[in-house]
Amino acid sequence: MSSLNKGVRRAEVTLRWDPSPIGEAAHDLDIVAATYTADALYGPPSYVVHYDSRSPDGTITLTRESRTGQGFGSDEVMTLEFDRLAGVYGRVVVGVVIQQRDGRKQFGDIANPLVRVLEGHDELGQEDFAGLGEATAAVVGAFTRSASGEWEFRASVRGFDADPQAFIAVMGSS
């Protein structure tokens, strides 16, 4: 990264999937972002943004949420404004979790899921969960603040067999 690069200043995470077949319960996937302080990058999250919520300071917002996957384009969209995020934070882990209200569902049960991480028109990462068929949740990557204060994204896909609450507790552990 050159010294002229200001790092990631604003990112968008988009998620889409096809609706469940007629007669089956709706598939509900959610984008989740967990924020960690610089002195506890792998400890418990300071806060978590998910399920139609936003961060306490308004820098991370879930601007679109779907519970069915119906519609055109992205079903869920999360915006992360790193240029406004307080200096105390050093890491933001982003993941996707499947709600388990109507029986156990895995990524292999969901038609055409796709999550993309974008900075403007530049794609920083994308995942279709093809290799995570038995997982119920997945980390797709992490934004970290460098020593110079710039934010960088590293795609790092890891699947979990966890319900939404358990996933939140472990998603940033490594």
C-alpha atoms as a PDB file:
ATOM      1  CA  MET A   1       0.000   0.000   0.000  1.00  0.00           C
ATOM      2  CA  SER A   2       1.527   3.337  -0.959  1.00  0.00           C
ATOM      3  CA  SER A   3       1.879   6.223   1.435  1.00  0.00           C
ATOM      4  CA  LEU A   4      -0.667   8.132  -0.659  1.00  0.00           C
ATOM      5  CA  ASN A   5      -3.330   5.494  -0.015  1.00  0.00           C
ATOM      6  CA  LYS A   6      -5.658   6.429   2.833  1.00  0.00           C
ATOM      7  CA  GLY A   7      -6.804   2.854   3.391  1.00  0.00           C
ATOM      8  CA  VAL A   8     -10.418   1.801   3.404  1.00  0.00           C
ATOM      9  CA  ARG A   9     -12.492   4.796   4.412  1.00  0.00           C
ATOM     10  CA  ARG A  10     -16.005   3.529   3.706  1.00  0.00           C
ATOM     11  CA  ALA A  11     -17.048   0.002   2.815  1.00  0.00           C
ATOM     12  CA  GLU A  12     -20.284  -1.713   1.960  1.00  0.00           C
ATOM     13  CA  VAL A  13     -21.141  -5.352   2.568  1.00  0.00           C
ATOM     14  CA  THR A  14     -23.930  -6.713   0.392  1.00  0.00           C
ATOM     15  CA  LEU A  15     -25.693 -10.056   0.723  1.00  0.00           C
ATOM     16  CA  ARG A  16     -28.136 -11.758  -1.588  1.00  0.00           C
ATOM     17  CA  TRP A  17     -29.771 -15.176  -1.849  1.00  0.00           C
ATOM     18  CA  ASP A  18     -32.700 -16.740  -3.645  1.00  0.00           C
ATOM     19  CA  PRO A  19     -35.988 -17.192  -1.779  1.00  0.00           C
ATOM     20  CA  SER A  20     -36.806 -20.661  -0.472  1.00  0.00           C
ATOM     21  CA  PRO A  21     -38.982 -22.883  -2.669  1.00  0.00           C
ATOM     22  CA  ILE A  22     -42.743 -22.393  -2.463  1.00  0.00           C
ATOM     23  CA  GLY A  23     -44.189 -24.237   0.504  1.00  0.00           C
ATOM     24  CA  GLU A  24     -40.943 -24.145   2.530  1.00  0.00           C
ATOM     25  CA  ALA A  25     -40.149 -21.777   5.381  1.00  0.00           C
ATOM     26  CA  ALA A  26     -38.313 -18.620   4.328  1.00  0.00           C
ATOM     27  CA  HIS A  27     -34.523 -18.584   4.523  1.00  0.00           C
ATOM     28  CA  ASP A  28     -33.297 -15.649   6.604  1.00  0.00           C
ATOM     29  CA  LEU A  29     -29.626 -14.728   6.342  1.00  0.00           C
ATOM     30  CA  ASP A  30     -28.069 -11.803   8.209  1.00  0.00           C
ATOM     31  CA  ILE A  31     -24.918  -9.742   7.883  1.00  0.00           C
ATOM     32  CA  VAL A  32     -23.155  -9.360  11.228  1.00  0.00           C
ATOM     33  CA  ALA A  33     -20.288  -7.006  12.149  1.00  0.00           C
ATOM     34  CA  ALA A  34     -18.449  -7.256  15.465  1.00  0.00           C
ATOM     35  CA  THR A  35     -16.211  -4.384  16.572  1.00  0.00           C
ATOM     36  CA  TYR A  36     -13.155  -4.900  18.798  1.00  0.00           C
ATOM     37  CA  THR A  37     -10.981  -2.402  20.636  1.00  0.00           C
ATOM     38  CA  ALA A  38      -7.314  -2.060  19.715  1.00  0.00           C
ATOM     39  CA  ASP A  39      -6.268  -3.417  23.117  1.00  0.00           C
ATOM     40  CA  ALA A  40      -8.533  -6.507  22.851  1.00  0.00           C
ATOM     41  CA  LEU A  41      -8.546  -7.430  19.157  1.00  0.00           C
ATOM     42  CA  TYR A  42      -9.533 -11.030  19.909  1.00  0.00           C
ATOM     43  CA  GLY A  43     -11.511 -10.563  23.114  1.00  0.00           C
ATOM     44  CA  PRO A  44     -15.236 -10.056  23.411  1.00  0.00           C
ATOM     45  CA  PRO A  45     -16.654  -7.538  20.922  1.00  0.00           C
ATOM     46  CA  SER A  46     -17.305  -4.001  22.105  1.00  0.00           C
ATOM     47  CA  TYR A  47     -20.524  -4.069  20.139  1.00  0.00           C
ATOM     48  CA  VAL A  48     -22.223  -6.035  17.392  1.00  0.00           C
ATOM     49  CA  VAL A  49     -24.348  -4.704  14.537  1.00  0.00           C
ATOM     50  CA  HIS A  50     -26.948  -7.119  13.174  1.00  0.00           C
ATOM     51  CA  TYR A  51     -30.667  -7.656  12.580  1.00  0.00           C
ATOM     52  CA  ASP A  52     -31.719  -4.176  11.494  1.00  0.00           C
ATOM     53  CA  SER A  53     -29.489  -2.279  13.918  1.00  0.00           C
ATOM     54  CA  ARG A  54     -26.648   0.230  13.916  1.00  0.00           C
ATOM     55  CA  SER A  55     -23.547   0.966  15.959  1.00  0.00           C
ATOM     56  CA  PRO A  56     -23.860   3.329  18.946  1.00  0.00           C
ATOM     57  CA  ASP A  57     -21.943   6.044  17.053  1.00  0.00           C
ATOM     58  CA  GLY A  58     -23.737   5.486  13.723  1.00  0.00           C
ATOM     59  CA  THR A  59     -20.586   4.443  11.821  1.00  0.00           C
ATOM     60  CA  ILE A  60     -21.875   0.929  11.040  1.00  0.00           C
ATOM     61  CA  THR A  61     -25.454   0.593   9.838  1.00  0.00           C
ATOM     62  CA  LEU A  62     -27.564  -2.139   8.372  1.00  0.00           C
ATOM     63  CA  THR A  63     -29.412  -0.143   5.734  1.00  0.00           C
ATOM     64  CA  ARG A  64     -31.379  -2.936   4.107  1.00  0.00           C
ATOM     65  CA  GLU A  65     -32.614  -6.164   5.649  1.00  0.00           C
ATOM     66  CA  SER A  66     -34.561  -9.052   4.154  1.00  0.00           C
ATOM     67  CA  ARG A  67     -36.044 -12.035   5.913  1.00  0.00           C
ATOM     68  CA  THR A  68     -36.892 -13.931   2.741  1.00  0.00           C
ATOM     69  CA  GLY A  69     -34.360 -13.171  -0.019  1.00  0.00           C
ATOM     70  CA  GLN A  70     -37.130 -11.771  -2.216  1.00  0.00           C
ATOM     71  CA  GLY A  71     -36.488  -8.821  -4.470  1.00  0.00           C
ATOM     72  CA  PHE A  72     -33.877  -7.711  -6.953  1.00  0.00           C
ATOM     73  CA  GLY A  73     -30.252  -6.938  -6.235  1.00  0.00           C
ATOM     74  CA  SER A  74     -28.917  -7.100  -2.711  1.00  0.00           C
ATOM     75  CA  ASP A  75     -31.212  -8.399   0.014  1.00  0.00           C
ATOM     76  CA  GLU A  76     -29.122  -6.949   2.846  1.00  0.00           C
ATOM     77  CA  VAL A  77     -26.655  -4.050   2.849  1.00  0.00           C
ATOM     78  CA  MET A  78     -24.358  -2.893   5.643  1.00  0.00           C
ATOM     79  CA  THR A  79     -22.347   0.323   5.475  1.00  0.00           C
ATOM     80  CA  LEU A  80     -19.137   0.764   7.484  1.00  0.00           C
ATOM     81  CA  GLU A  81     -17.668   4.267   7.794  1.00  0.00           C
ATOM     82  CA  PHE A  82     -14.096   3.736   8.967  1.00  0.00           C
ATOM     83  CA  ASP A  83     -13.102   7.374   8.507  1.00  0.00           C
ATOM     84  CA  ARG A  84     -15.531   8.191  11.362  1.00  0.00           C
ATOM     85  CA  LEU A  85     -14.835   5.188  13.626  1.00  0.00           C
ATOM     86  CA  ALA A  86     -13.193   6.195  16.930  1.00  0.00           C
ATOM     87  CA  GLY A  87      -9.474   5.536  17.340  1.00  0.00           C
ATOM     88  CA  VAL A  88     -10.112   3.111  20.205  1.00  0.00           C
ATOM     89  CA  TYR A  89     -11.296   0.463  17.719  1.00  0.00           C
ATOM     90  CA  GLY A  90      -8.788  -1.685  15.876  1.00  0.00           C
ATOM     91  CA  ARG A  91     -10.741  -4.496  14.243  1.00  0.00           C
ATOM     92  CA  VAL A  92     -14.154  -5.143  12.695  1.00  0.00           C
ATOM     93  CA  VAL A  93     -15.036  -8.742  11.785  1.00  0.00           C
ATOM     94  CA  VAL A  94     -17.795  -9.290   9.217  1.00  0.00           C
ATOM     95  CA  GLY A  95     -19.827 -12.450   8.874  1.00  0.00           C
ATOM     96  CA  VAL A  96     -23.081 -13.983   7.705  1.00  0.00           C
ATOM     97  CA  VAL A  97     -25.381 -16.117   9.833  1.00  0.00           C
ATOM     98  CA  ILE A  98     -28.497 -18.129   8.966  1.00  0.00           C
ATOM     99  CA  GLN A  99     -31.425 -17.707  11.344  1.00  0.00           C
ATOM    100  CA  GLN A 100     -32.580 -21.066  12.685  1.00  0.00           C
ATOM    101  CA  ARG A 101     -36.207 -20.295  13.586  1.00  0.00           C
ATOM    102  CA  ASP A 102     -37.827 -22.914  11.331  1.00  0.00           C
ATOM    103  CA  GLY A 103     -35.414 -25.817  11.694  1.00  0.00           C
ATOM    104  CA  ARG A 104     -31.719 -26.191  11.049  1.00  0.00           C
ATOM    105  CA  LYS A 105     -30.503 -24.679   7.788  1.00  0.00           C
ATOM    106  CA  GLN A 106     -26.999 -24.730   6.342  1.00  0.00           C
ATOM    107  CA  PHE A 107     -25.426 -22.777   3.494  1.00  0.00           C
ATOM    108  CA  GLY A 108     -25.890 -25.874   1.325  1.00  0.00           C
ATOM    109  CA  ASP A 109     -29.673 -25.455   1.793  1.00  0.00           C
ATOM    110  CA  ILE A 110     -29.682 -21.862   0.492  1.00  0.00           C
ATOM    111  CA  ALA A 111     -29.877 -21.194  -3.249  1.00  0.00           C
ATOM    112  CA  ASN A 112     -27.315 -18.784  -4.703  1.00  0.00           C
ATOM    113  CA  PRO A 113     -26.021 -16.977  -1.623  1.00  0.00           C
ATOM    114  CA  LEU A 114     -23.391 -14.324  -2.320  1.00  0.00           C
ATOM    115  CA  VAL A 115     -21.748 -11.767  -0.062  1.00  0.00           C
ATOM    116  CA  ARG A 116     -19.597  -8.974  -1.473  1.00  0.00           C
ATOM    117  CA  VAL A 117     -17.364  -6.473   0.291  1.00  0.00           C
ATOM    118  CA  LEU A 118     -16.986  -3.248  -1.662  1.00  0.00           C
ATOM    119  CA  GLU A 119     -15.184   0.049  -1.366  1.00  0.00           C
ATOM    120  CA  GLY A 120     -16.996   2.257  -3.845  1.00  0.00           C
ATOM    121  CA  HIS A 121     -16.935   0.288  -7.094  1.00  0.00           C
ATOM    122  CA  ASP A 122     -13.889  -1.760  -6.063  1.00  0.00           C
ATOM    123  CA  GLU A 123     -14.587  -5.269  -4.864  1.00  0.00           C
ATOM    124  CA  LEU A 124     -12.452  -6.176  -1.857  1.00  0.00           C
ATOM    125  CA  GLY A 125     -13.863  -9.676  -1.471  1.00  0.00           C
ATOM    126  CA  GLN A 126     -16.690 -12.020  -2.396  1.00  0.00           C
ATOM    127  CA  GLU A 127     -17.909 -15.390  -1.156  1.00  0.00           C
ATOM    128  CA  ASP A 128     -20.593 -17.755  -2.469  1.00  0.00           C
ATOM    129  CA  PHE A 129     -20.304 -20.248   0.453  1.00  0.00           C
ATOM    130  CA  ALA A 130     -19.836 -23.167  -1.975  1.00  0.00           C
ATOM    131  CA  GLY A 131     -17.161 -24.693   0.254  1.00  0.00           C
ATOM    132  CA  LEU A 132     -19.208 -24.190   3.423  1.00  0.00           C
ATOM    133  CA  GLY A 133     -22.238 -26.359   2.661  1.00  0.00           C
ATOM    134  CA  GLU A 134     -22.577 -27.709   6.212  1.00  0.00           C
ATOM    135  CA  ALA A 135     -21.915 -24.412   8.010  1.00  0.00           C
ATOM    136  CA  THR A 136     -24.702 -22.309   9.503  1.00  0.00           C
ATOM    137  CA  ALA A 137     -22.583 -19.171   9.867  1.00  0.00           C
ATOM    138  CA  ALA A 138     -19.359 -17.811   8.382  1.00  0.00           C
ATOM    139  CA  VAL A 139     -16.817 -15.078   8.870  1.00  0.00           C
ATOM    140  CA  VAL A 140     -16.018 -13.549   5.485  1.00  0.00           C
ATOM    141  CA  GLY A 141     -13.194 -11.240   6.540  1.00  0.00           C
ATOM    142  CA  ALA A 142     -11.908  -8.579   8.856  1.00  0.00           C
ATOM    143  CA  PHE A 143     -11.042  -4.925   8.645  1.00  0.00           C
ATOM    144  CA  THR A 144      -8.019  -4.018  10.759  1.00  0.00           C
ATOM    145  CA  ARG A 145      -6.426  -0.694  11.592  1.00  0.00           C
ATOM    146  CA  SER A 146      -2.719  -0.590  10.751  1.00  0.00           C
ATOM    147  CA  ALA A 147      -0.075   1.069  12.916  1.00  0.00           C
ATOM    148  CA  SER A 148      -0.380   4.155  10.701  1.00  0.00           C
ATOM    149  CA  GLY A 149      -4.138   4.304  11.354  1.00  0.00           C
ATOM    150  CA  GLU A 150      -5.268   3.121   7.924  1.00  0.00           C
ATOM    151  CA  TRP A 151      -7.986   0.475   7.662  1.00  0.00           C
ATOM    152  CA  GLU A 152      -7.289  -2.625   5.555  1.00  0.00           C
ATOM    153  CA  PHE A 153      -9.528  -5.542   4.584  1.00  0.00           C
ATOM    154  CA  ARG A 154      -8.406  -9.149   4.585  1.00  0.00           C
ATOM    155  CA  ALA A 155     -10.759 -11.785   3.239  1.00  0.00           C
ATOM    156  CA  SER A 156     -10.648 -14.842   5.468  1.00  0.00           C
ATOM    157  CA  VAL A 157     -13.574 -17.226   5.107  1.00  0.00           C
ATOM    158  CA  ARG A 158     -14.274 -19.596   8.004  1.00  0.00           C
ATOM    159  CA  GLY A 159     -17.418 -21.629   8.512  1.00  0.00           C
ATOM    160  CA  PHE A 160     -19.076 -22.304  11.870  1.00  0.00           C
ATOM    161  CA  ASP A 161     -21.794 -24.651  13.037  1.00  0.00           C
ATOM    162  CA  ALA A 162     -23.420 -22.218  15.446  1.00  0.00           C
ATOM    163  CA  ASP A 163     -26.723 -20.506  16.051  1.00  0.00           C
ATOM    164  CA  PRO A 164     -26.715 -16.696  15.734  1.00  0.00           C
ATOM    165  CA  GLN A 165     -25.938 -15.959  19.409  1.00  0.00           C
ATOM    166  CA  ALA A 166     -23.161 -18.552  19.640  1.00  0.00           C
ATOM    167  CA  PHE A 167     -21.686 -17.264  16.359  1.00  0.00           C
ATOM    168  CA  ILE A 168     -21.480 -13.709  17.705  1.00  0.00           C
ATOM    169  CA  ALA A 169     -19.551 -15.008  20.709  1.00  0.00           C
ATOM    170  CA  VAL A 170     -16.911 -16.826  18.596  1.00  0.00           C
ATOM    171  CA  MET A 171     -16.729 -14.998  15.280  1.00  0.00           C
ATOM    172  CA  GLY A 172     -13.782 -12.801  16.229  1.00  0.00           C
ATOM    173  CA  SER A 173     -11.821 -15.366  18.216  1.00  0.00           C
ATOM    174  CA  SER A 174      -9.092 -15.771  15.611  1.00  0.00           C
END
